[in-house]
Amino acid sequence: MIIKYLIVAVLIAIVLSLGSGMYFMLKDKGRSKRMVHSLTVRISLSVALFVLLFIAWYFGLIQPHPIAPG
């Protein structure tokens, strides 16, 4: 059950990082590296989430299911 909370937490962190990248893009107008750093964090979190999902699936902590039951 804790894995589901961890997945949601990483998704929230990805959205927050994306929002901060947008904020720095609008505020700094390309004069600083804060937007690049924020987007680098987002990409790293996305890759970590992808790996986490595969590990959780491999160990049976989450189970895939079809989109439409039936």
PDB file of N, CA and C in Angstrom:
ATOM      1  N   MET A   1       0.816  -1.192   0.000  1.00  0.00           N
ATOM      2  CA  MET A   1       0.000   0.000   0.000  1.00  0.00           C
ATOM      3  C   MET A   1       0.860   1.256   0.000  1.00  0.00           C
ATOM      4  N   ILE A   2       2.025   1.178   0.654  1.00  0.00           N
ATOM      5  CA  ILE A   2       2.902   2.342   0.722  1.00  0.00           C
ATOM      6  C   ILE A   2       3.425   2.718  -0.661  1.00  0.00           C
ATOM      7  N   ILE A   3       3.542   1.733  -1.557  1.00  0.00           N
ATOM      8  CA  ILE A   3       4.051   2.009  -2.899  1.00  0.00           C
ATOM      9  C   ILE A   3       3.124   2.943  -3.661  1.00  0.00           C
ATOM     10  N   LYS A   4       1.822   2.814  -3.438  1.00  0.00           N
ATOM     11  CA  LYS A   4       0.871   3.696  -4.126  1.00  0.00           C
ATOM     12  C   LYS A   4       1.015   5.136  -3.664  1.00  0.00           C
ATOM     13  N   TYR A   5       1.261   5.326  -2.361  1.00  0.00           N
ATOM     14  CA  TYR A   5       1.490   6.675  -1.850  1.00  0.00           C
ATOM     15  C   TYR A   5       2.797   7.248  -2.388  1.00  0.00           C
ATOM     16  N   LEU A   6       3.803   6.394  -2.526  1.00  0.00           N
ATOM     17  CA  LEU A   6       5.077   6.836  -3.075  1.00  0.00           C
ATOM     18  C   LEU A   6       4.929   7.253  -4.539  1.00  0.00           C
ATOM     19  N   ILE A   7       4.153   6.509  -5.307  1.00  0.00           N
ATOM     20  CA  ILE A   7       3.913   6.848  -6.714  1.00  0.00           C
ATOM     21  C   ILE A   7       3.191   8.186  -6.814  1.00  0.00           C
ATOM     22  N   VAL A   8       2.177   8.388  -5.997  1.00  0.00           N
ATOM     23  CA  VAL A   8       1.436   9.657  -6.008  1.00  0.00           C
ATOM     24  C   VAL A   8       2.346  10.814  -5.594  1.00  0.00           C
ATOM     25  N   ALA A   9       3.209  10.593  -4.605  1.00  0.00           N
ATOM     26  CA  ALA A   9       4.129  11.640  -4.155  1.00  0.00           C
ATOM     27  C   ALA A   9       5.104  12.036  -5.269  1.00  0.00           C
ATOM     28  N   VAL A  10       5.599  11.055  -6.009  1.00  0.00           N
ATOM     29  CA  VAL A  10       6.515  11.360  -7.114  1.00  0.00           C
ATOM     30  C   VAL A  10       5.770  12.098  -8.222  1.00  0.00           C
ATOM     31  N   LEU A  11       4.537  11.712  -8.507  1.00  0.00           N
ATOM     32  CA  LEU A  11       3.753  12.427  -9.512  1.00  0.00           C
ATOM     33  C   LEU A  11       3.517  13.882  -9.109  1.00  0.00           C
ATOM     34  N   ILE A  12       3.223  14.120  -7.852  1.00  0.00           N
ATOM     35  CA  ILE A  12       3.029  15.487  -7.368  1.00  0.00           C
ATOM     36  C   ILE A  12       4.334  16.277  -7.483  1.00  0.00           C
ATOM     37  N   ALA A  13       5.459  15.642  -7.152  1.00  0.00           N
ATOM     38  CA  ALA A  13       6.758  16.317  -7.272  1.00  0.00           C
ATOM     39  C   ALA A  13       7.063  16.662  -8.728  1.00  0.00           C
ATOM     40  N   ILE A  14       6.674  15.801  -9.658  1.00  0.00           N
ATOM     41  CA  ILE A  14       6.879  16.071 -11.082  1.00  0.00           C
ATOM     42  C   ILE A  14       6.069  17.291 -11.504  1.00  0.00           C
ATOM     43  N   VAL A  15       4.821  17.356 -11.088  1.00  0.00           N
ATOM     44  CA  VAL A  15       3.968  18.495 -11.451  1.00  0.00           C
ATOM     45  C   VAL A  15       4.505  19.785 -10.828  1.00  0.00           C
ATOM     46  N   LEU A  16       4.958  19.725  -9.581  1.00  0.00           N
ATOM     47  CA  LEU A  16       5.520  20.918  -8.937  1.00  0.00           C
ATOM     48  C   LEU A  16       6.785  21.384  -9.644  1.00  0.00           C
ATOM     49  N   SER A  17       7.622  20.460 -10.056  1.00  0.00           N
ATOM     50  CA  SER A  17       8.837  20.814 -10.778  1.00  0.00           C
ATOM     51  C   SER A  17       8.507  21.437 -12.136  1.00  0.00           C
ATOM     52  N   LEU A  18       7.502  20.902 -12.789  1.00  0.00           N
ATOM     53  CA  LEU A  18       7.074  21.472 -14.062  1.00  0.00           C
ATOM     54  C   LEU A  18       6.539  22.887 -13.869  1.00  0.00           C
ATOM     55  N   GLY A  19       5.771  23.087 -12.807  1.00  0.00           N
ATOM     56  CA  GLY A  19       5.244  24.422 -12.509  1.00  0.00           C
ATOM     57  C   GLY A  19       6.347  25.404 -12.172  1.00  0.00           C
ATOM     58  N   SER A  20       7.340  24.970 -11.415  1.00  0.00           N
ATOM     59  CA  SER A  20       8.438  25.890 -11.095  1.00  0.00           C
ATOM     60  C   SER A  20       9.248  26.212 -12.347  1.00  0.00           C
ATOM     61  N   GLY A  21       9.398  25.270 -13.251  1.00  0.00           N
ATOM     62  CA  GLY A  21      10.070  25.550 -14.525  1.00  0.00           C
ATOM     63  C   GLY A  21       9.326  26.595 -15.331  1.00  0.00           C
ATOM     64  N   MET A  22       8.008  26.496 -15.350  1.00  0.00           N
ATOM     65  CA  MET A  22       7.204  27.499 -16.059  1.00  0.00           C
ATOM     66  C   MET A  22       7.345  28.872 -15.397  1.00  0.00           C
ATOM     67  N   TYR A  23       7.326  28.890 -14.068  1.00  0.00           N
ATOM     68  CA  TYR A  23       7.465  30.154 -13.340  1.00  0.00           C
ATOM     69  C   TYR A  23       8.814  30.809 -13.651  1.00  0.00           C
ATOM     70  N   PHE A  24       9.899  30.022 -13.603  1.00  0.00           N
ATOM     71  CA  PHE A  24      11.215  30.584 -13.876  1.00  0.00           C
ATOM     72  C   PHE A  24      11.353  31.003 -15.336  1.00  0.00           C
ATOM     73  N   MET A  25      10.682  30.299 -16.245  1.00  0.00           N
ATOM     74  CA  MET A  25      10.734  30.679 -17.647  1.00  0.00           C
ATOM     75  C   MET A  25      10.096  32.051 -17.845  1.00  0.00           C
ATOM     76  N   LEU A  26       8.972  32.281 -17.172  1.00  0.00           N
ATOM     77  CA  LEU A  26       8.286  33.560 -17.319  1.00  0.00           C
ATOM     78  C   LEU A  26       8.979  34.677 -16.546  1.00  0.00           C
ATOM     79  N   LYS A  27       9.522  34.374 -15.379  1.00  0.00           N
ATOM     80  CA  LYS A  27      10.114  35.400 -14.529  1.00  0.00           C
ATOM     81  C   LYS A  27      11.506  35.806 -15.000  1.00  0.00           C
ATOM     82  N   ASP A  28      12.359  34.822 -15.299  1.00  0.00           N
ATOM     83  CA  ASP A  28      13.760  35.109 -15.635  1.00  0.00           C
ATOM     84  C   ASP A  28      13.969  35.492 -17.091  1.00  0.00           C
ATOM     85  N   LYS A  29      13.044  35.116 -17.943  1.00  0.00           N
ATOM     86  CA  LYS A  29      13.123  35.390 -19.385  1.00  0.00           C
ATOM     87  C   LYS A  29      14.442  34.888 -20.008  1.00  0.00           C
ATOM     88  N   GLY A  30      14.877  33.717 -19.559  1.00  0.00           N
ATOM     89  CA  GLY A  30      16.042  33.071 -20.148  1.00  0.00           C
ATOM     90  C   GLY A  30      17.382  33.588 -19.676  1.00  0.00           C
ATOM     91  N   ARG A  31      17.420  34.382 -18.621  1.00  0.00           N
ATOM     92  CA  ARG A  31      18.684  34.939 -18.140  1.00  0.00           C
ATOM     93  C   ARG A  31      19.344  34.110 -17.052  1.00  0.00           C
ATOM     94  N   SER A  32      18.729  33.055 -16.594  1.00  0.00           N
ATOM     95  CA  SER A  32      19.349  32.230 -15.561  1.00  0.00           C
ATOM     96  C   SER A  32      19.166  30.753 -15.905  1.00  0.00           C
ATOM     97  N   LYS A  33      19.817  29.921 -15.118  1.00  0.00           N
ATOM     98  CA  LYS A  33      19.766  28.470 -15.339  1.00  0.00           C
ATOM     99  C   LYS A  33      18.727  27.789 -14.460  1.00  0.00           C
ATOM    100  N   ARG A  34      17.901  28.550 -13.749  1.00  0.00           N
ATOM    101  CA  ARG A  34      16.939  27.933 -12.823  1.00  0.00           C
ATOM    102  C   ARG A  34      15.899  27.100 -13.566  1.00  0.00           C
ATOM    103  N   MET A  35      15.464  27.542 -14.741  1.00  0.00           N
ATOM    104  CA  MET A  35      14.477  26.768 -15.499  1.00  0.00           C
ATOM    105  C   MET A  35      15.092  25.442 -15.951  1.00  0.00           C
ATOM    106  N   VAL A  36      16.324  25.478 -16.424  1.00  0.00           N
ATOM    107  CA  VAL A  36      16.992  24.260 -16.882  1.00  0.00           C
ATOM    108  C   VAL A  36      17.157  23.286 -15.716  1.00  0.00           C
ATOM    109  N   HIS A  37      17.518  23.803 -14.551  1.00  0.00           N
ATOM    110  CA  HIS A  37      17.664  22.948 -13.367  1.00  0.00           C
ATOM    111  C   HIS A  37      16.319  22.324 -12.985  1.00  0.00           C
ATOM    112  N   SER A  38      15.264  23.123 -13.029  1.00  0.00           N
ATOM    113  CA  SER A  38      13.936  22.629 -12.668  1.00  0.00           C
ATOM    114  C   SER A  38      13.480  21.534 -13.634  1.00  0.00           C
ATOM    115  N   LEU A  39      13.718  21.723 -14.901  1.00  0.00           N
ATOM    116  CA  LEU A  39      13.310  20.719 -15.883  1.00  0.00           C
ATOM    117  C   LEU A  39      14.199  19.471 -15.805  1.00  0.00           C
ATOM    118  N   THR A  40      15.457  19.640 -15.421  1.00  0.00           N
ATOM    119  CA  THR A  40      16.329  18.483 -15.203  1.00  0.00           C
ATOM    120  C   THR A  40      15.818  17.637 -14.038  1.00  0.00           C
ATOM    121  N   VAL A  41      15.369  18.306 -12.992  1.00  0.00           N
ATOM    122  CA  VAL A  41      14.781  17.594 -11.853  1.00  0.00           C
ATOM    123  C   VAL A  41      13.530  16.846 -12.294  1.00  0.00           C
ATOM    124  N   ARG A  42      12.711  17.471 -13.133  1.00  0.00           N
ATOM    125  CA  ARG A  42      11.488  16.826 -13.608  1.00  0.00           C
ATOM    126  C   ARG A  42      11.794  15.576 -14.422  1.00  0.00           C
ATOM    127  N   ILE A  43      12.768  15.662 -15.306  1.00  0.00           N
ATOM    128  CA  ILE A  43      13.138  14.503 -16.116  1.00  0.00           C
ATOM    129  C   ILE A  43      13.684  13.383 -15.222  1.00  0.00           C
ATOM    130  N   SER A  44      14.501  13.748 -14.245  1.00  0.00           N
ATOM    131  CA  SER A  44      15.045  12.742 -13.323  1.00  0.00           C
ATOM    132  C   SER A  44      13.939  12.065 -12.526  1.00  0.00           C
ATOM    133  N   LEU A  45      12.973  12.846 -12.057  1.00  0.00           N
ATOM    134  CA  LEU A  45      11.848  12.272 -11.316  1.00  0.00           C
ATOM    135  C   LEU A  45      11.001  11.369 -12.214  1.00  0.00           C
ATOM    136  N   SER A  46      10.830  11.749 -13.470  1.00  0.00           N
ATOM    137  CA  SER A  46      10.048  10.927 -14.399  1.00  0.00           C
ATOM    138  C   SER A  46      10.725   9.582 -14.657  1.00  0.00           C
ATOM    139  N   VAL A  47      12.029   9.607 -14.837  1.00  0.00           N
ATOM    140  CA  VAL A  47      12.766   8.356 -15.042  1.00  0.00           C
ATOM    141  C   VAL A  47      12.705   7.498 -13.774  1.00  0.00           C
ATOM    142  N   ALA A  48      12.848   8.142 -12.618  1.00  0.00           N
ATOM    143  CA  ALA A  48      12.772   7.403 -11.350  1.00  0.00           C
ATOM    144  C   ALA A  48      11.391   6.774 -11.163  1.00  0.00           C
ATOM    145  N   LEU A  49      10.333   7.493 -11.543  1.00  0.00           N
ATOM    146  CA  LEU A  49       8.986   6.944 -11.450  1.00  0.00           C
ATOM    147  C   LEU A  49       8.821   5.745 -12.371  1.00  0.00           C
ATOM    148  N   PHE A  50       9.338   5.844 -13.569  1.00  0.00           N
ATOM    149  CA  PHE A  50       9.266   4.744 -14.525  1.00  0.00           C
ATOM    150  C   PHE A  50       9.959   3.505 -13.974  1.00  0.00           C
ATOM    151  N   VAL A  51      11.144   3.684 -13.420  1.00  0.00           N
ATOM    152  CA  VAL A  51      11.891   2.567 -12.831  1.00  0.00           C
ATOM    153  C   VAL A  51      11.147   2.016 -11.618  1.00  0.00           C
ATOM    154  N   LEU A  52      10.608   2.910 -10.787  1.00  0.00           N
ATOM    155  CA  LEU A  52       9.849   2.485  -9.612  1.00  0.00           C
ATOM    156  C   LEU A  52       8.635   1.642 -10.004  1.00  0.00           C
ATOM    157  N   LEU A  53       7.944   2.037 -11.054  1.00  0.00           N
ATOM    158  CA  LEU A  53       6.790   1.266 -11.516  1.00  0.00           C
ATOM    159  C   LEU A  53       7.192  -0.130 -11.982  1.00  0.00           C
ATOM    160  N   PHE A  54       8.282  -0.214 -12.722  1.00  0.00           N
ATOM    161  CA  PHE A  54       8.736  -1.524 -13.177  1.00  0.00           C
ATOM    162  C   PHE A  54       9.181  -2.406 -12.019  1.00  0.00           C
ATOM    163  N   ILE A  55       9.872  -1.834 -11.042  1.00  0.00           N
ATOM    164  CA  ILE A  55      10.309  -2.612  -9.881  1.00  0.00           C
ATOM    165  C   ILE A  55       9.109  -3.088  -9.071  1.00  0.00           C
ATOM    166  N   ALA A  56       8.140  -2.194  -8.860  1.00  0.00           N
ATOM    167  CA  ALA A  56       6.942  -2.567  -8.099  1.00  0.00           C
ATOM    168  C   ALA A  56       6.158  -3.659  -8.826  1.00  0.00           C
ATOM    169  N   TRP A  57       6.091  -3.575 -10.142  1.00  0.00           N
ATOM    170  CA  TRP A  57       5.389  -4.604 -10.917  1.00  0.00           C
ATOM    171  C   TRP A  57       6.155  -5.926 -10.844  1.00  0.00           C
ATOM    172  N   TYR A  58       7.475  -5.877 -10.940  1.00  0.00           N
ATOM    173  CA  TYR A  58       8.282  -7.094 -10.912  1.00  0.00           C
ATOM    174  C   TYR A  58       8.122  -7.841  -9.591  1.00  0.00           C
ATOM    175  N   PHE A  59       8.088  -7.116  -8.495  1.00  0.00           N
ATOM    176  CA  PHE A  59       7.964  -7.749  -7.181  1.00  0.00           C
ATOM    177  C   PHE A  59       6.509  -7.991  -6.770  1.00  0.00           C
ATOM    178  N   GLY A  60       5.556  -7.663  -7.639  1.00  0.00           N
ATOM    179  CA  GLY A  60       4.156  -7.948  -7.362  1.00  0.00           C
ATOM    180  C   GLY A  60       3.478  -6.961  -6.428  1.00  0.00           C
ATOM    181  N   LEU A  61       4.065  -5.805  -6.243  1.00  0.00           N
ATOM    182  CA  LEU A  61       3.468  -4.802  -5.356  1.00  0.00           C
ATOM    183  C   LEU A  61       2.299  -4.076  -6.016  1.00  0.00           C
ATOM    184  N   ILE A  62       2.313  -4.011  -7.339  1.00  0.00           N
ATOM    185  CA  ILE A  62       1.193  -3.456  -8.101  1.00  0.00           C
ATOM    186  C   ILE A  62       0.854  -4.440  -9.204  1.00  0.00           C
ATOM    187  N   GLN A  63      -0.401  -4.442  -9.610  1.00  0.00           N
ATOM    188  CA  GLN A  63      -0.853  -5.364 -10.655  1.00  0.00           C
ATOM    189  C   GLN A  63      -1.454  -4.565 -11.810  1.00  0.00           C
ATOM    190  N   PRO A  64      -0.981  -4.781 -13.027  1.00  0.00           N
ATOM    191  CA  PRO A  64      -1.591  -4.110 -14.167  1.00  0.00           C
ATOM    192  C   PRO A  64      -2.962  -4.709 -14.459  1.00  0.00           C
ATOM    193  N   HIS A  65      -3.827  -3.922 -15.029  1.00  0.00           N
ATOM    194  CA  HIS A  65      -5.160  -4.397 -15.398  1.00  0.00           C
ATOM    195  C   HIS A  65      -5.561  -3.735 -16.708  1.00  0.00           C
ATOM    196  N   PRO A  66      -6.514  -4.312 -17.439  1.00  0.00           N
ATOM    197  CA  PRO A  66      -6.922  -3.709 -18.714  1.00  0.00           C
ATOM    198  C   PRO A  66      -7.630  -2.384 -18.499  1.00  0.00           C
ATOM    199  N   ILE A  67      -7.599  -1.561 -19.530  1.00  0.00           N
ATOM    200  CA  ILE A  67      -8.257  -0.247 -19.468  1.00  0.00           C
ATOM    201  C   ILE A  67      -9.768  -0.420 -19.355  1.00  0.00           C
ATOM    202  N   ALA A  68     -10.323  -1.229 -20.225  1.00  0.00           N
ATOM    203  CA  ALA A  68     -11.754  -1.482 -20.215  1.00  0.00           C
ATOM    204  C   ALA A  68     -12.006  -2.897 -19.711  1.00  0.00           C
ATOM    205  N   PRO A  69     -12.655  -3.038 -18.581  1.00  0.00           N
ATOM    206  CA  PRO A  69     -12.908  -4.401 -18.077  1.00  0.00           C
ATOM    207  C   PRO A  69     -13.817  -5.186 -19.007  1.00  0.00           C
ATOM    208  N   GLY A  70     -13.489  -6.444 -19.108  1.00  0.00           N
ATOM    209  CA  GLY A  70     -14.414  -7.131 -19.857  1.00  0.00           C
ATOM    210  C   GLY A  70     -14.305  -8.236 -20.688  1.00  0.00           C
TER     211      GLY A  70
END
